[in-house]
Each structure stands twice: as C-alpha cells, then as structure tokens.
N, C-alpha and C. Protein backbone atom coordinates (compact mmCIF):
# COMPACT_ATOMS: atom_id res chain seq x y z
N UNK A 1 -18.65 -242.57 50.04
CA UNK A 1 -18.26 -243.46 51.11
C UNK A 1 -17.04 -242.86 51.79
N UNK A 2 -17.03 -242.96 53.11
CA UNK A 2 -15.91 -242.47 53.90
C UNK A 2 -15.43 -243.60 54.80
N UNK A 3 -14.12 -243.70 54.95
CA UNK A 3 -13.53 -244.65 55.89
C UNK A 3 -12.73 -243.85 56.90
N UNK A 4 -13.06 -244.02 58.16
CA UNK A 4 -12.35 -243.31 59.23
C UNK A 4 -11.71 -244.35 60.15
N UNK A 5 -10.48 -244.07 60.58
CA UNK A 5 -9.79 -244.96 61.51
C UNK A 5 -9.42 -244.18 62.76
N UNK A 6 -9.74 -244.75 63.91
CA UNK A 6 -9.45 -244.13 65.20
C UNK A 6 -8.39 -244.97 65.90
N UNK A 7 -7.10 -244.56 65.81
CA UNK A 7 -6.02 -245.38 66.36
C UNK A 7 -6.08 -245.57 67.88
N UNK A 8 -6.64 -244.60 68.59
CA UNK A 8 -6.69 -244.71 70.05
C UNK A 8 -7.58 -245.87 70.52
N UNK A 9 -8.57 -246.25 69.70
CA UNK A 9 -9.44 -247.37 70.05
C UNK A 9 -9.33 -248.52 69.04
N UNK A 10 -8.47 -248.37 68.03
CA UNK A 10 -8.31 -249.36 66.96
C UNK A 10 -9.66 -249.71 66.34
N UNK A 11 -10.40 -248.67 65.99
CA UNK A 11 -11.74 -248.82 65.43
C UNK A 11 -11.80 -248.19 64.05
N UNK A 12 -12.42 -248.91 63.11
CA UNK A 12 -12.65 -248.37 61.77
C UNK A 12 -14.14 -248.13 61.60
N UNK A 13 -14.48 -247.03 60.97
CA UNK A 13 -15.87 -246.69 60.68
C UNK A 13 -15.98 -246.47 59.18
N UNK A 14 -16.83 -247.26 58.53
CA UNK A 14 -17.07 -247.13 57.09
C UNK A 14 -18.47 -246.54 56.95
N UNK A 15 -18.54 -245.32 56.43
CA UNK A 15 -19.82 -244.63 56.26
C UNK A 15 -20.22 -244.71 54.78
N UNK A 16 -21.39 -245.29 54.53
CA UNK A 16 -21.88 -245.45 53.18
C UNK A 16 -22.82 -244.31 52.77
N UNK A 17 -23.63 -243.83 53.71
CA UNK A 17 -24.54 -242.71 53.47
C UNK A 17 -24.56 -241.83 54.71
N UNK A 18 -25.21 -240.70 54.60
CA UNK A 18 -25.39 -239.84 55.77
C UNK A 18 -26.81 -239.91 56.30
N UNK A 19 -27.53 -240.98 55.93
CA UNK A 19 -28.89 -241.17 56.44
C UNK A 19 -28.89 -241.32 57.95
N UNK A 20 -30.00 -240.99 58.58
CA UNK A 20 -30.13 -241.12 60.02
C UNK A 20 -30.20 -242.60 60.40
N UNK A 21 -29.48 -242.96 61.43
CA UNK A 21 -29.44 -244.35 61.91
C UNK A 21 -30.67 -244.63 62.75
N UNK A 22 -31.38 -245.71 62.41
CA UNK A 22 -32.56 -246.13 63.16
C UNK A 22 -32.28 -247.36 64.02
N UNK A 23 -31.31 -248.17 63.58
CA UNK A 23 -31.05 -249.43 64.27
C UNK A 23 -29.60 -249.84 64.08
N UNK A 24 -29.01 -250.39 65.13
CA UNK A 24 -27.66 -250.96 65.06
C UNK A 24 -27.77 -252.44 65.32
N UNK A 25 -27.12 -253.24 64.45
CA UNK A 25 -27.14 -254.69 64.61
C UNK A 25 -25.72 -255.20 64.82
N UNK A 26 -25.57 -256.12 65.75
CA UNK A 26 -24.27 -256.76 65.98
C UNK A 26 -24.14 -257.93 65.02
N UNK A 27 -23.16 -257.87 64.14
CA UNK A 27 -22.92 -258.94 63.18
C UNK A 27 -22.03 -260.01 63.82
N UNK A 28 -21.04 -259.57 64.56
CA UNK A 28 -20.17 -260.46 65.32
C UNK A 28 -19.69 -259.67 66.53
N UNK A 29 -18.83 -260.27 67.30
CA UNK A 29 -18.36 -259.62 68.54
C UNK A 29 -17.72 -258.26 68.27
N UNK A 30 -17.12 -258.07 67.08
CA UNK A 30 -16.39 -256.84 66.79
C UNK A 30 -16.90 -256.06 65.59
N UNK A 31 -18.02 -256.48 65.02
CA UNK A 31 -18.54 -255.81 63.82
C UNK A 31 -20.01 -255.47 64.03
N UNK A 32 -20.33 -254.19 63.77
CA UNK A 32 -21.69 -253.68 63.92
C UNK A 32 -22.08 -252.95 62.66
N UNK A 33 -23.36 -253.05 62.28
CA UNK A 33 -23.86 -252.28 61.15
C UNK A 33 -24.99 -251.37 61.63
N UNK A 34 -25.07 -250.21 61.02
CA UNK A 34 -26.14 -249.26 61.30
C UNK A 34 -27.06 -249.22 60.09
N UNK A 35 -28.37 -249.26 60.35
CA UNK A 35 -29.38 -249.25 59.30
C UNK A 35 -30.28 -248.03 59.44
N UNK A 36 -30.80 -247.53 58.31
CA UNK A 36 -31.76 -246.43 58.37
C UNK A 36 -33.16 -247.00 58.58
N UNK A 37 -34.16 -246.15 58.56
CA UNK A 37 -35.54 -246.57 58.84
C UNK A 37 -36.11 -247.53 57.80
N UNK A 38 -35.48 -247.58 56.61
CA UNK A 38 -35.94 -248.49 55.55
C UNK A 38 -35.11 -249.78 55.51
N UNK A 39 -34.17 -249.92 56.44
CA UNK A 39 -33.34 -251.12 56.48
C UNK A 39 -32.11 -251.05 55.60
N UNK A 40 -31.82 -249.88 55.05
CA UNK A 40 -30.64 -249.70 54.20
C UNK A 40 -29.39 -249.49 55.06
N UNK A 41 -28.26 -250.00 54.58
CA UNK A 41 -27.00 -249.88 55.28
C UNK A 41 -26.53 -248.43 55.30
N UNK A 42 -26.24 -247.92 56.49
CA UNK A 42 -25.73 -246.56 56.66
C UNK A 42 -24.23 -246.61 56.92
N UNK A 43 -23.80 -247.46 57.87
CA UNK A 43 -22.39 -247.54 58.21
C UNK A 43 -22.06 -248.88 58.85
N UNK A 44 -20.75 -249.15 58.95
CA UNK A 44 -20.27 -250.37 59.58
C UNK A 44 -19.10 -249.99 60.48
N UNK A 45 -19.12 -250.51 61.70
CA UNK A 45 -18.05 -250.28 62.65
C UNK A 45 -17.29 -251.58 62.86
N UNK A 46 -15.96 -251.49 62.79
CA UNK A 46 -15.10 -252.66 63.00
C UNK A 46 -14.18 -252.36 64.17
N UNK A 47 -14.39 -253.05 65.27
CA UNK A 47 -13.52 -252.90 66.43
C UNK A 47 -12.34 -253.85 66.28
N UNK A 48 -11.21 -253.49 66.90
CA UNK A 48 -9.95 -254.25 66.75
C UNK A 48 -9.64 -254.37 65.26
N UNK A 49 -9.72 -253.23 64.59
CA UNK A 49 -9.67 -253.18 63.13
C UNK A 49 -8.36 -253.69 62.54
N UNK A 50 -7.25 -253.45 63.17
CA UNK A 50 -5.97 -253.92 62.61
C UNK A 50 -5.95 -255.44 62.49
N UNK A 51 -6.49 -256.13 63.48
CA UNK A 51 -6.53 -257.59 63.43
C UNK A 51 -7.67 -258.11 62.57
N UNK A 52 -8.82 -257.47 62.63
CA UNK A 52 -10.01 -257.97 61.94
C UNK A 52 -10.11 -257.54 60.48
N UNK A 53 -9.57 -256.39 60.13
CA UNK A 53 -9.75 -255.86 58.78
C UNK A 53 -8.43 -255.66 58.03
N UNK A 54 -7.31 -255.94 58.66
CA UNK A 54 -5.99 -255.78 58.03
C UNK A 54 -5.85 -254.41 57.38
N UNK A 55 -6.03 -253.37 58.17
CA UNK A 55 -6.03 -252.01 57.65
C UNK A 55 -4.74 -251.60 56.98
N UNK A 56 -3.63 -252.21 57.33
CA UNK A 56 -2.37 -251.83 56.68
C UNK A 56 -2.38 -252.18 55.19
N UNK A 57 -3.36 -252.99 54.75
CA UNK A 57 -3.49 -253.37 53.35
C UNK A 57 -4.64 -252.65 52.66
N UNK A 58 -5.17 -251.60 53.22
CA UNK A 58 -6.35 -250.92 52.68
C UNK A 58 -6.04 -250.27 51.34
N UNK A 59 -6.92 -250.48 50.37
CA UNK A 59 -6.82 -249.79 49.09
C UNK A 59 -8.23 -249.60 48.53
N UNK A 60 -8.33 -248.73 47.55
CA UNK A 60 -9.62 -248.45 46.92
C UNK A 60 -9.47 -248.57 45.42
N UNK A 61 -10.33 -249.34 44.79
CA UNK A 61 -10.32 -249.51 43.35
C UNK A 61 -11.75 -249.39 42.84
N UNK A 62 -11.98 -248.50 41.90
CA UNK A 62 -13.30 -248.38 41.29
C UNK A 62 -13.28 -249.18 39.99
N UNK A 63 -14.21 -250.12 39.88
CA UNK A 63 -14.28 -250.97 38.70
C UNK A 63 -15.49 -250.53 37.87
N UNK A 64 -15.24 -250.14 36.67
CA UNK A 64 -16.30 -249.67 35.79
C UNK A 64 -16.56 -250.75 34.74
N UNK A 65 -17.81 -251.19 34.66
CA UNK A 65 -18.17 -252.23 33.70
C UNK A 65 -18.48 -251.64 32.34
N UNK A 66 -18.61 -252.51 31.36
CA UNK A 66 -18.96 -252.08 30.00
C UNK A 66 -20.43 -251.72 29.93
N UNK A 67 -20.76 -250.71 29.16
CA UNK A 67 -22.16 -250.35 28.91
C UNK A 67 -22.72 -251.33 27.89
N UNK A 68 -23.94 -251.79 28.10
CA UNK A 68 -24.55 -252.73 27.14
C UNK A 68 -25.27 -252.01 26.05
C-alpha cells in the first residue's frame, strides 16, 4: 500500500494494488474509489485531504493477530 499526498491540490491518493482501473465511483463529493475489472479496490482519492482526512495525524500500525 502506498499513500501519496499532493500539497498543490491538497489531494491524498491511497494505492492498495497496482491493478488496472476499470471503474471510478464517487463515494462523496471529495472521495473517489477506483475498482479493477473484478470489482476489487485499487485506490482511493481524497480531495481537500487536510480537512477530510486529518493528514497531520497520519500514522501506520500493523496489527498481527495470534495464530490459532
């Protein structure tokens, strides 16, 4: 997963896979998702990211569960 921030447009792009995008859906006025041909999530775009996603608080934590 990659997170890219474009300060000139205040846009965040979260890339989950490098699959080819077949369709883009508008989730809200400032949030769009890209899907591949099988309907799997490829990426998400957040416009006005500082206000909508609070990027100044961004962190990453990997949570590993117990093996059964």
